[in-house]
PDB file of N, CA and C in Angstrom:
ATOM      1  N   MET A   1      10.992  17.166   9.754  1.00  0.00           N
ATOM      2  CA  MET A   1       9.672  16.549   9.776  1.00  0.00           C
ATOM      3  C   MET A   1       9.804  15.053   9.998  1.00  0.00           C
ATOM      4  N   ASP A   2       8.812  14.485  10.618  1.00  0.00           N
ATOM      5  CA  ASP A   2       8.838  13.060  10.913  1.00  0.00           C
ATOM      6  C   ASP A   2       8.305  12.247   9.742  1.00  0.00           C
ATOM      7  N   LYS A   3       8.989  11.145   9.474  1.00  0.00           N
ATOM      8  CA  LYS A   3       8.516  10.245   8.424  1.00  0.00           C
ATOM      9  C   LYS A   3       7.264   9.521   8.899  1.00  0.00           C
ATOM     10  N   ILE A   4       6.486   9.089   7.931  1.00  0.00           N
ATOM     11  CA  ILE A   4       5.232   8.389   8.194  1.00  0.00           C
ATOM     12  C   ILE A   4       5.270   7.062   7.457  1.00  0.00           C
ATOM     13  N   ALA A   5       4.864   6.006   8.130  1.00  0.00           N
ATOM     14  CA  ALA A   5       4.773   4.682   7.508  1.00  0.00           C
ATOM     15  C   ALA A   5       3.329   4.217   7.533  1.00  0.00           C
ATOM     16  N   VAL A   6       3.011   3.378   6.582  1.00  0.00           N
ATOM     17  CA  VAL A   6       1.690   2.760   6.521  1.00  0.00           C
ATOM     18  C   VAL A   6       1.893   1.267   6.312  1.00  0.00           C
ATOM     19  N   ILE A   7       1.148   0.486   7.073  1.00  0.00           N
ATOM     20  CA  ILE A   7       1.074  -0.949   6.838  1.00  0.00           C
ATOM     21  C   ILE A   7      -0.394  -1.254   6.579  1.00  0.00           C
ATOM     22  N   ALA A   8      -0.653  -1.918   5.474  1.00  0.00           N
ATOM     23  CA  ALA A   8      -2.031  -2.254   5.114  1.00  0.00           C
ATOM     24  C   ALA A   8      -2.080  -3.700   4.669  1.00  0.00           C
ATOM     25  N   SER A   9      -3.205  -4.330   4.923  1.00  0.00           N
ATOM     26  CA  SER A   9      -3.398  -5.683   4.396  1.00  0.00           C
ATOM     27  C   SER A   9      -4.846  -5.842   3.961  1.00  0.00           C
ATOM     28  N   PHE A  10      -5.024  -6.694   2.983  1.00  0.00           N
ATOM     29  CA  PHE A  10      -6.370  -7.034   2.553  1.00  0.00           C
ATOM     30  C   PHE A  10      -6.341  -8.396   1.894  1.00  0.00           C
ATOM     31  N   THR A  11      -7.463  -9.075   2.006  1.00  0.00           N
ATOM     32  CA  THR A  11      -7.618 -10.408   1.429  1.00  0.00           C
ATOM     33  C   THR A  11      -8.686 -10.340   0.362  1.00  0.00           C
ATOM     34  N   THR A  12      -8.342 -10.837  -0.808  1.00  0.00           N
ATOM     35  CA  THR A  12      -9.271 -10.821  -1.934  1.00  0.00           C
ATOM     36  C   THR A  12     -10.002 -12.162  -2.038  1.00  0.00           C
ATOM     37  N   LYS A  13     -11.067 -12.150  -2.776  1.00  0.00           N
ATOM     38  CA  LYS A  13     -11.702 -13.414  -3.150  1.00  0.00           C
ATOM     39  C   LYS A  13     -10.723 -14.130  -4.079  1.00  0.00           C
ATOM     40  N   PRO A  14     -10.600 -15.446  -3.966  1.00  0.00           N
ATOM     41  CA  PRO A  14      -9.575 -16.168  -4.740  1.00  0.00           C
ATOM     42  C   PRO A  14      -9.622 -15.894  -6.248  1.00  0.00           C
ATOM     43  N   GLU A  15     -10.802 -15.741  -6.800  1.00  0.00           N
ATOM     44  CA  GLU A  15     -10.909 -15.537  -8.246  1.00  0.00           C
ATOM     45  C   GLU A  15     -10.416 -14.150  -8.686  1.00  0.00           C
ATOM     46  N   ALA A  16     -10.222 -13.237  -7.742  1.00  0.00           N
ATOM     47  CA  ALA A  16      -9.793 -11.880  -8.080  1.00  0.00           C
ATOM     48  C   ALA A  16      -8.321 -11.634  -7.793  1.00  0.00           C
ATOM     49  N   THR A  17      -7.636 -12.593  -7.218  1.00  0.00           N
ATOM     50  CA  THR A  17      -6.268 -12.378  -6.755  1.00  0.00           C
ATOM     51  C   THR A  17      -5.331 -11.933  -7.869  1.00  0.00           C
ATOM     52  N   ALA A  18      -5.374 -12.555  -9.011  1.00  0.00           N
ATOM     53  CA  ALA A  18      -4.465 -12.203 -10.110  1.00  0.00           C
ATOM     54  C   ALA A  18      -4.727 -10.784 -10.600  1.00  0.00           C
ATOM     55  N   ASP A  19      -5.985 -10.400 -10.716  1.00  0.00           N
ATOM     56  CA  ASP A  19      -6.310  -9.049 -11.164  1.00  0.00           C
ATOM     57  C   ASP A  19      -5.860  -7.999 -10.152  1.00  0.00           C
ATOM     58  N   VAL A  20      -6.037  -8.285  -8.876  1.00  0.00           N
ATOM     59  CA  VAL A  20      -5.614  -7.340  -7.838  1.00  0.00           C
ATOM     60  C   VAL A  20      -4.093  -7.224  -7.830  1.00  0.00           C
ATOM     61  N   GLU A  21      -3.404  -8.335  -7.993  1.00  0.00           N
ATOM     62  CA  GLU A  21      -1.941  -8.278  -8.050  1.00  0.00           C
ATOM     63  C   GLU A  21      -1.485  -7.406  -9.225  1.00  0.00           C
ATOM     64  N   ALA A  22      -2.095  -7.552 -10.370  1.00  0.00           N
ATOM     65  CA  ALA A  22      -1.738  -6.732 -11.532  1.00  0.00           C
ATOM     66  C   ALA A  22      -1.985  -5.252 -11.243  1.00  0.00           C
ATOM     67  N   ALA A  23      -3.087  -4.940 -10.600  1.00  0.00           N
ATOM     68  CA  ALA A  23      -3.393  -3.548 -10.250  1.00  0.00           C
ATOM     69  C   ALA A  23      -2.386  -3.011  -9.241  1.00  0.00           C
ATOM     70  N   LEU A  24      -1.951  -3.847  -8.311  1.00  0.00           N
ATOM     71  CA  LEU A  24      -0.949  -3.421  -7.336  1.00  0.00           C
ATOM     72  C   LEU A  24       0.389  -3.119  -8.003  1.00  0.00           C
ATOM     73  N   LEU A  25       0.750  -3.910  -8.990  1.00  0.00           N
ATOM     74  CA  LEU A  25       1.999  -3.659  -9.706  1.00  0.00           C
ATOM     75  C   LEU A  25       1.952  -2.292 -10.396  1.00  0.00           C
ATOM     76  N   GLU A  26       0.807  -1.940 -10.955  1.00  0.00           N
ATOM     77  CA  GLU A  26       0.649  -0.619 -11.555  1.00  0.00           C
ATOM     78  C   GLU A  26       0.743   0.473 -10.487  1.00  0.00           C
ATOM     79  N   LEU A  27       0.138   0.222  -9.339  1.00  0.00           N
ATOM     80  CA  LEU A  27       0.152   1.207  -8.261  1.00  0.00           C
ATOM     81  C   LEU A  27       1.568   1.448  -7.747  1.00  0.00           C
ATOM     82  N   VAL A  28       2.395   0.427  -7.736  1.00  0.00           N
ATOM     83  CA  VAL A  28       3.795   0.596  -7.323  1.00  0.00           C
ATOM     84  C   VAL A  28       4.490   1.570  -8.276  1.00  0.00           C
ATOM     85  N   GLY A  29       4.225   1.431  -9.570  1.00  0.00           N
ATOM     86  CA  GLY A  29       4.814   2.358 -10.539  1.00  0.00           C
ATOM     87  C   GLY A  29       4.375   3.789 -10.312  1.00  0.00           C
ATOM     88  N   VAL A  30       3.123   3.978  -9.970  1.00  0.00           N
ATOM     89  CA  VAL A  30       2.601   5.318  -9.667  1.00  0.00           C
ATOM     90  C   VAL A  30       3.292   5.863  -8.419  1.00  0.00           C
ATOM     91  N   ALA A  31       3.358   5.056  -7.382  1.00  0.00           N
ATOM     92  CA  ALA A  31       3.964   5.505  -6.125  1.00  0.00           C
ATOM     93  C   ALA A  31       5.435   5.868  -6.317  1.00  0.00           C
ATOM     94  N   ALA A  32       6.122   5.146  -7.175  1.00  0.00           N
ATOM     95  CA  ALA A  32       7.541   5.417  -7.411  1.00  0.00           C
ATOM     96  C   ALA A  32       7.771   6.807  -7.996  1.00  0.00           C
ATOM     97  N   SER A  33       6.774   7.342  -8.677  1.00  0.00           N
ATOM     98  CA  SER A  33       6.926   8.657  -9.301  1.00  0.00           C
ATOM     99  C   SER A  33       6.440   9.799  -8.406  1.00  0.00           C
ATOM    100  N   GLU A  34       5.890   9.485  -7.257  1.00  0.00           N
ATOM    101  CA  GLU A  34       5.353  10.512  -6.368  1.00  0.00           C
ATOM    102  C   GLU A  34       6.451  11.090  -5.479  1.00  0.00           C
ATOM    103  N   ASP A  35       6.477  12.413  -5.386  1.00  0.00           N
ATOM    104  CA  ASP A  35       7.423  13.056  -4.478  1.00  0.00           C
ATOM    105  C   ASP A  35       7.113  12.645  -3.042  1.00  0.00           C
ATOM    106  N   GLY A  36       8.154  12.292  -2.314  1.00  0.00           N
ATOM    107  CA  GLY A  36       7.987  11.970  -0.905  1.00  0.00           C
ATOM    108  C   GLY A  36       7.710  10.514  -0.604  1.00  0.00           C
ATOM    109  N   THR A  37       7.515   9.696  -1.628  1.00  0.00           N
ATOM    110  CA  THR A  37       7.353   8.261  -1.389  1.00  0.00           C
ATOM    111  C   THR A  37       8.744   7.643  -1.382  1.00  0.00           C
ATOM    112  N   GLU A  38       9.144   7.105  -0.237  1.00  0.00           N
ATOM    113  CA  GLU A  38      10.476   6.524  -0.115  1.00  0.00           C
ATOM    114  C   GLU A  38      10.465   5.012  -0.334  1.00  0.00           C
ATOM    115  N   GLN A  39       9.429   4.358   0.140  1.00  0.00           N
ATOM    116  CA  GLN A  39       9.286   2.917  -0.071  1.00  0.00           C
ATOM    117  C   GLN A  39       7.819   2.602  -0.291  1.00  0.00           C
ATOM    118  N   TYR A  40       7.567   1.675  -1.198  1.00  0.00           N
ATOM    119  CA  TYR A  40       6.207   1.221  -1.458  1.00  0.00           C
ATOM    120  C   TYR A  40       6.346  -0.235  -1.846  1.00  0.00           C
ATOM    121  N   VAL A  41       6.199  -1.108  -0.878  1.00  0.00           N
ATOM    122  CA  VAL A  41       6.521  -2.521  -1.054  1.00  0.00           C
ATOM    123  C   VAL A  41       5.248  -3.349  -0.916  1.00  0.00           C
ATOM    124  N   VAL A  42       4.993  -4.171  -1.926  1.00  0.00           N
ATOM    125  CA  VAL A  42       3.831  -5.062  -1.914  1.00  0.00           C
ATOM    126  C   VAL A  42       4.322  -6.469  -1.593  1.00  0.00           C
ATOM    127  N   HIS A  43       3.637  -7.131  -0.680  1.00  0.00           N
ATOM    128  CA  HIS A  43       3.979  -8.495  -0.271  1.00  0.00           C
ATOM    129  C   HIS A  43       2.757  -9.392  -0.456  1.00  0.00           C
ATOM    130  N   ARG A  44       3.021 -10.654  -0.735  1.00  0.00           N
ATOM    131  CA  ARG A  44       1.962 -11.665  -0.740  1.00  0.00           C
ATOM    132  C   ARG A  44       2.177 -12.537   0.496  1.00  0.00           C
ATOM    133  N   ASP A  45       1.113 -12.811   1.213  1.00  0.00           N
ATOM    134  CA  ASP A  45       1.186 -13.635   2.416  1.00  0.00           C
ATOM    135  C   ASP A  45       1.454 -15.087   2.008  1.00  0.00           C
ATOM    136  N   GLN A  46       2.503 -15.675   2.551  1.00  0.00           N
ATOM    137  CA  GLN A  46       2.856 -17.049   2.195  1.00  0.00           C
ATOM    138  C   GLN A  46       1.830 -18.064   2.675  1.00  0.00           C
ATOM    139  N   SER A  47       1.115 -17.754   3.743  1.00  0.00           N
ATOM    140  CA  SER A  47       0.140 -18.714   4.259  1.00  0.00           C
ATOM    141  C   SER A  47      -1.225 -18.573   3.584  1.00  0.00           C
ATOM    142  N   ASN A  48      -1.458 -17.439   2.899  1.00  0.00           N
ATOM    143  CA  ASN A  48      -2.716 -17.227   2.192  1.00  0.00           C
ATOM    144  C   ASN A  48      -2.437 -16.354   0.969  1.00  0.00           C
ATOM    145  N   PRO A  49      -2.270 -16.957  -0.210  1.00  0.00           N
ATOM    146  CA  PRO A  49      -1.896 -16.198  -1.407  1.00  0.00           C
ATOM    147  C   PRO A  49      -2.909 -15.138  -1.833  1.00  0.00           C
ATOM    148  N   ALA A  50      -4.100 -15.150  -1.263  1.00  0.00           N
ATOM    149  CA  ALA A  50      -5.096 -14.123  -1.588  1.00  0.00           C
ATOM    150  C   ALA A  50      -4.976 -12.911  -0.669  1.00  0.00           C
ATOM    151  N   THR A  51      -4.008 -12.932   0.255  1.00  0.00           N
ATOM    152  CA  THR A  51      -3.794 -11.819   1.171  1.00  0.00           C
ATOM    153  C   THR A  51      -2.542 -11.056   0.762  1.00  0.00           C
ATOM    154  N   PHE A  52      -2.694  -9.745   0.643  1.00  0.00           N
ATOM    155  CA  PHE A  52      -1.591  -8.857   0.293  1.00  0.00           C
ATOM    156  C   PHE A  52      -1.305  -7.940   1.471  1.00  0.00           C
ATOM    157  N   TRP A  53      -0.029  -7.628   1.644  1.00  0.00           N
ATOM    158  CA  TRP A  53       0.430  -6.674   2.652  1.00  0.00           C
ATOM    159  C   TRP A  53       1.196  -5.580   1.934  1.00  0.00           C
ATOM    160  N   LEU A  54       0.991  -4.348   2.329  1.00  0.00           N
ATOM    161  CA  LEU A  54       1.738  -3.228   1.773  1.00  0.00           C
ATOM    162  C   LEU A  54       2.486  -2.532   2.893  1.00  0.00           C
ATOM    163  N   TYR A  55       3.727  -2.170   2.601  1.00  0.00           N
ATOM    164  CA  TYR A  55       4.495  -1.333   3.510  1.00  0.00           C
ATOM    165  C   TYR A  55       4.863  -0.085   2.732  1.00  0.00           C
ATOM    166  N   GLU A  56       4.547   1.063   3.296  1.00  0.00           N
ATOM    167  CA  GLU A  56       4.797   2.333   2.641  1.00  0.00           C
ATOM    168  C   GLU A  56       5.550   3.247   3.603  1.00  0.00           C
ATOM    169  N   LEU A  57       6.509   3.986   3.076  1.00  0.00           N
ATOM    170  CA  LEU A  57       7.258   4.945   3.885  1.00  0.00           C
ATOM    171  C   LEU A  57       7.297   6.263   3.131  1.00  0.00           C
ATOM    172  N   TYR A  58       6.886   7.328   3.824  1.00  0.00           N
ATOM    173  CA  TYR A  58       6.802   8.657   3.231  1.00  0.00           C
ATOM    174  C   TYR A  58       7.670   9.627   4.005  1.00  0.00           C
ATOM    175  N   THR A  59       8.142  10.664   3.322  1.00  0.00           N
ATOM    176  CA  THR A  59       8.989  11.659   3.971  1.00  0.00           C
ATOM    177  C   THR A  59       8.238  12.408   5.062  1.00  0.00           C
ATOM    178  N   ASP A  60       6.916  12.578   4.870  1.00  0.00           N
ATOM    179  CA  ASP A  60       6.124  13.311   5.848  1.00  0.00           C
ATOM    180  C   ASP A  60       4.641  13.084   5.578  1.00  0.00           C
ATOM    181  N   MET A  61       3.808  13.653   6.415  1.00  0.00           N
ATOM    182  CA  MET A  61       2.359  13.488   6.289  1.00  0.00           C
ATOM    183  C   MET A  61       1.841  14.073   4.972  1.00  0.00           C
ATOM    184  N   GLY A  62       2.472  15.136   4.496  1.00  0.00           N
ATOM    185  CA  GLY A  62       2.058  15.728   3.224  1.00  0.00           C
ATOM    186  C   GLY A  62       2.232  14.771   2.058  1.00  0.00           C
ATOM    187  N   ALA A  63       3.330  14.020   2.066  1.00  0.00           N
ATOM    188  CA  ALA A  63       3.564  13.040   1.003  1.00  0.00           C
ATOM    189  C   ALA A  63       2.535  11.915   1.073  1.00  0.00           C
ATOM    190  N   LEU A  64       2.211  11.476   2.278  1.00  0.00           N
ATOM    191  CA  LEU A  64       1.159  10.469   2.432  1.00  0.00           C
ATOM    192  C   LEU A  64      -0.171  11.023   1.928  1.00  0.00           C
ATOM    193  N   GLY A  65      -0.458  12.272   2.266  1.00  0.00           N
ATOM    194  CA  GLY A  65      -1.695  12.886   1.813  1.00  0.00           C
ATOM    195  C   GLY A  65      -1.779  12.984   0.302  1.00  0.00           C
ATOM    196  N   ALA A  66      -0.660  13.307  -0.334  1.00  0.00           N
ATOM    197  CA  ALA A  66      -0.635  13.385  -1.793  1.00  0.00           C
ATOM    198  C   ALA A  66      -0.914  12.023  -2.410  1.00  0.00           C
ATOM    199  N   HIS A  67      -0.306  10.988  -1.857  1.00  0.00           N
ATOM    200  CA  HIS A  67      -0.560   9.636  -2.369  1.00  0.00           C
ATOM    201  C   HIS A  67      -2.012   9.245  -2.118  1.00  0.00           C
ATOM    202  N   SER A  68      -2.482   9.500  -0.908  1.00  0.00           N
ATOM    203  CA  SER A  68      -3.847   9.104  -0.549  1.00  0.00           C
ATOM    204  C   SER A  68      -4.890   9.817  -1.406  1.00  0.00           C
ATOM    205  N   GLY A  69      -4.574  11.008  -1.868  1.00  0.00           N
ATOM    206  CA  GLY A  69      -5.511  11.761  -2.679  1.00  0.00           C
ATOM    207  C   GLY A  69      -5.345  11.577  -4.176  1.00  0.00           C
ATOM    208  N   SER A  70      -4.456  10.687  -4.575  1.00  0.00           N
ATOM    209  CA  SER A  70      -4.205  10.518  -6.007  1.00  0.00           C
ATOM    210  C   SER A  70      -5.373   9.807  -6.698  1.00  0.00           C
ATOM    211  N   PRO A  71      -5.639  10.175  -7.936  1.00  0.00           N
ATOM    212  CA  PRO A  71      -6.716   9.513  -8.669  1.00  0.00           C
ATOM    213  C   PRO A  71      -6.424   8.033  -8.911  1.00  0.00           C
ATOM    214  N   GLN A  72      -5.163   7.679  -9.028  1.00  0.00           N
ATOM    215  CA  GLN A  72      -4.806   6.276  -9.246  1.00  0.00           C
ATOM    216  C   GLN A  72      -5.157   5.418  -8.030  1.00  0.00           C
ATOM    217  N   LEU A  73      -4.892   5.951  -6.830  1.00  0.00           N
ATOM    218  CA  LEU A  73      -5.243   5.192  -5.628  1.00  0.00           C
ATOM    219  C   LEU A  73      -6.755   5.104  -5.499  1.00  0.00           C
ATOM    220  N   ALA A  74      -7.456   6.174  -5.801  1.00  0.00           N
ATOM    221  CA  ALA A  74      -8.922   6.151  -5.731  1.00  0.00           C
ATOM    222  C   ALA A  74      -9.484   5.099  -6.684  1.00  0.00           C
ATOM    223  N   ALA A  75      -8.930   5.023  -7.890  1.00  0.00           N
ATOM    224  CA  ALA A  75      -9.395   4.024  -8.853  1.00  0.00           C
ATOM    225  C   ALA A  75      -9.107   2.610  -8.357  1.00  0.00           C
ATOM    226  N   PHE A  76      -7.921   2.414  -7.773  1.00  0.00           N
ATOM    227  CA  PHE A  76      -7.584   1.094  -7.238  1.00  0.00           C
ATOM    228  C   PHE A  76      -8.538   0.716  -6.113  1.00  0.00           C
ATOM    229  N   MET A  77      -8.768   1.633  -5.200  1.00  0.00           N
ATOM    230  CA  MET A  77      -9.656   1.338  -4.068  1.00  0.00           C
ATOM    231  C   MET A  77     -11.075   1.027  -4.541  1.00  0.00           C
ATOM    232  N   ALA A  78     -11.517   1.680  -5.585  1.00  0.00           N
ATOM    233  CA  ALA A  78     -12.850   1.415  -6.123  1.00  0.00           C
ATOM    234  C   ALA A  78     -12.954  -0.007  -6.659  1.00  0.00           C
ATOM    235  N   THR A  79     -11.864  -0.525  -7.226  1.00  0.00           N
ATOM    236  CA  THR A  79     -11.903  -1.897  -7.754  1.00  0.00           C
ATOM    237  C   THR A  79     -11.951  -2.932  -6.637  1.00  0.00           C
ATOM    238  N   LEU A  80     -11.496  -2.557  -5.439  1.00  0.00           N
ATOM    239  CA  LEU A  80     -11.479  -3.523  -4.341  1.00  0.00           C
ATOM    240  C   LEU A  80     -12.863  -3.793  -3.759  1.00  0.00           C
ATOM    241  N   GLY A  81     -13.771  -2.872  -3.952  1.00  0.00           N
ATOM    242  CA  GLY A  81     -15.080  -2.974  -3.318  1.00  0.00           C
ATOM    243  C   GLY A  81     -15.784  -4.297  -3.505  1.00  0.00           C
ATOM    244  N   ASP A  82     -15.707  -4.867  -4.688  1.00  0.00           N
ATOM    245  CA  ASP A  82     -16.426  -6.103  -4.979  1.00  0.00           C
ATOM    246  C   ASP A  82     -15.582  -7.361  -4.817  1.00  0.00           C
ATOM    247  N   VAL A  83     -14.293  -7.198  -4.565  1.00  0.00           N
ATOM    248  CA  VAL A  83     -13.425  -8.380  -4.571  1.00  0.00           C
ATOM    249  C   VAL A  83     -12.788  -8.704  -3.229  1.00  0.00           C
ATOM    250  N   LEU A  84     -13.078  -7.928  -2.201  1.00  0.00           N
ATOM    251  CA  LEU A  84     -12.498  -8.216  -0.890  1.00  0.00           C
ATOM    252  C   LEU A  84     -13.269  -9.317  -0.178  1.00  0.00           C
ATOM    253  N   ALA A  85     -12.524 -10.209   0.450  1.00  0.00           N
ATOM    254  CA  ALA A  85     -13.135 -11.282   1.231  1.00  0.00           C
ATOM    255  C   ALA A  85     -13.351 -10.862   2.679  1.00  0.00           C
ATOM    256  N   ALA A  86     -12.675  -9.798   3.092  1.00  0.00           N
ATOM    257  CA  ALA A  86     -12.781  -9.283   4.462  1.00  0.00           C
ATOM    258  C   ALA A  86     -12.414  -7.804   4.429  1.00  0.00           C
ATOM    259  N   PRO A  87     -12.802  -7.054   5.447  1.00  0.00           N
ATOM    260  CA  PRO A  87     -12.430  -5.632   5.473  1.00  0.00           C
ATOM    261  C   PRO A  87     -10.913  -5.459   5.512  1.00  0.00           C
ATOM    262  N   PRO A  88     -10.395  -4.421   4.857  1.00  0.00           N
ATOM    263  CA  PRO A  88      -8.950  -4.177   4.896  1.00  0.00           C
ATOM    264  C   PRO A  88      -8.508  -3.699   6.274  1.00  0.00           C
ATOM    265  N   VAL A  89      -7.233  -3.861   6.549  1.00  0.00           N
ATOM    266  CA  VAL A  89      -6.618  -3.390   7.788  1.00  0.00           C
ATOM    267  C   VAL A  89      -5.600  -2.323   7.397  1.00  0.00           C
ATOM    268  N   LEU A  90      -5.617  -1.201   8.098  1.00  0.00           N
ATOM    269  CA  LEU A  90      -4.713  -0.097   7.780  1.00  0.00           C
ATOM    270  C   LEU A  90      -4.191   0.503   9.072  1.00  0.00           C
ATOM    271  N   ALA A  91      -2.875   0.697   9.130  1.00  0.00           N
ATOM    272  CA  ALA A  91      -2.265   1.349  10.285  1.00  0.00           C
ATOM    273  C   ALA A  91      -1.315   2.427   9.791  1.00  0.00           C
ATOM    274  N   VAL A  92      -1.444   3.639  10.329  1.00  0.00           N
ATOM    275  CA  VAL A  92      -0.521   4.732  10.047  1.00  0.00           C
ATOM    276  C   VAL A  92       0.408   4.825  11.243  1.00  0.00           C
ATOM    277  N   LEU A  93       1.722   4.804  10.968  1.00  0.00           N
ATOM    278  CA  LEU A  93       2.718   4.642  12.020  1.00  0.00           C
ATOM    279  C   LEU A  93       3.781   5.720  11.980  1.00  0.00           C
ATOM    280  N   SER A  94       4.430   5.909  13.105  1.00  0.00           N
ATOM    281  CA  SER A  94       5.601   6.790  13.202  1.00  0.00           C
ATOM    282  C   SER A  94       6.823   5.920  13.433  1.00  0.00           C
ATOM    283  N   PRO A  95       7.661   5.740  12.411  1.00  0.00           N
ATOM    284  CA  PRO A  95       8.854   4.892  12.585  1.00  0.00           C
ATOM    285  C   PRO A  95       9.796   5.491  13.629  1.00  0.00           C
ATOM    286  N   ILE A  96      10.397   4.626  14.443  1.00  0.00           N
ATOM    287  CA  ILE A  96      11.335   5.116  15.448  1.00  0.00           C
ATOM    288  C   ILE A  96      12.755   4.552  15.285  1.00  0.00           C
ATOM    289  N   ALA A  97      12.887   3.425  14.568  1.00  0.00           N
ATOM    290  CA  ALA A  97      14.206   2.847  14.343  1.00  0.00           C
ATOM    291  C   ALA A  97      14.127   1.913  13.142  1.00  0.00           C
ATOM    292  N   ALA A  98      15.248   1.804  12.410  1.00  0.00           N
ATOM    293  CA  ALA A  98      15.246   0.940  11.230  1.00  0.00           C
ATOM    294  C   ALA A  98      16.681   0.564  10.875  1.00  0.00           C
ATOM    295  N   ALA A  99      16.837  -0.581  10.255  1.00  0.00           N
ATOM    296  CA  ALA A  99      18.113  -0.977   9.670  1.00  0.00           C
ATOM    297  C   ALA A  99      17.971  -0.816   8.165  1.00  0.00           C
ATOM    298  N   GLY A 100      18.905  -0.136   7.538  1.00  0.00           N
ATOM    299  CA  GLY A 100      18.906   0.020   6.097  1.00  0.00           C
ATOM    300  C   GLY A 100      18.018   1.139   5.577  1.00  0.00           C
ATOM    301  N   VAL A 101      17.394   1.893   6.471  1.00  0.00           N
ATOM    302  CA  VAL A 101      16.523   2.998   6.069  1.00  0.00           C
ATOM    303  C   VAL A 101      16.882   4.198   6.926  1.00  0.00           C
ATOM    304  N   ASP A 102      17.104   5.339   6.287  1.00  0.00           N
ATOM    305  CA  ASP A 102      17.372   6.558   7.048  1.00  0.00           C
ATOM    306  C   ASP A 102      16.081   7.121   7.584  1.00  0.00           C
ATOM    307  N   LEU A 103      16.007   7.272   8.873  1.00  0.00           N
ATOM    308  CA  LEU A 103      14.842   7.893   9.498  1.00  0.00           C
ATOM    309  C   LEU A 103      15.248   9.268   9.949  1.00  0.00           C
TER     310      LEU A 103
END
């Protein structure tokens, strides 16, 4: 089966950045316990500290679906509704080459 990657970014209102970061740290812990989640990396944009980037790598589409359907992700997404400064960006990708990651 082919691995699936996700790259997502979103920018929060400045007053919500710390709370969103704390929620993301919890979400990383949830993702770490999910079968099929190989990488779940949260980044802060150096040019705009209110912008977060996520890189996710799953063993297959089923693993992505399990994560996407989790109650923890639904709760996190619900908290974003009032604190986003712009619409989120999401891309689902098919990795073709990598250094340091088995594809």
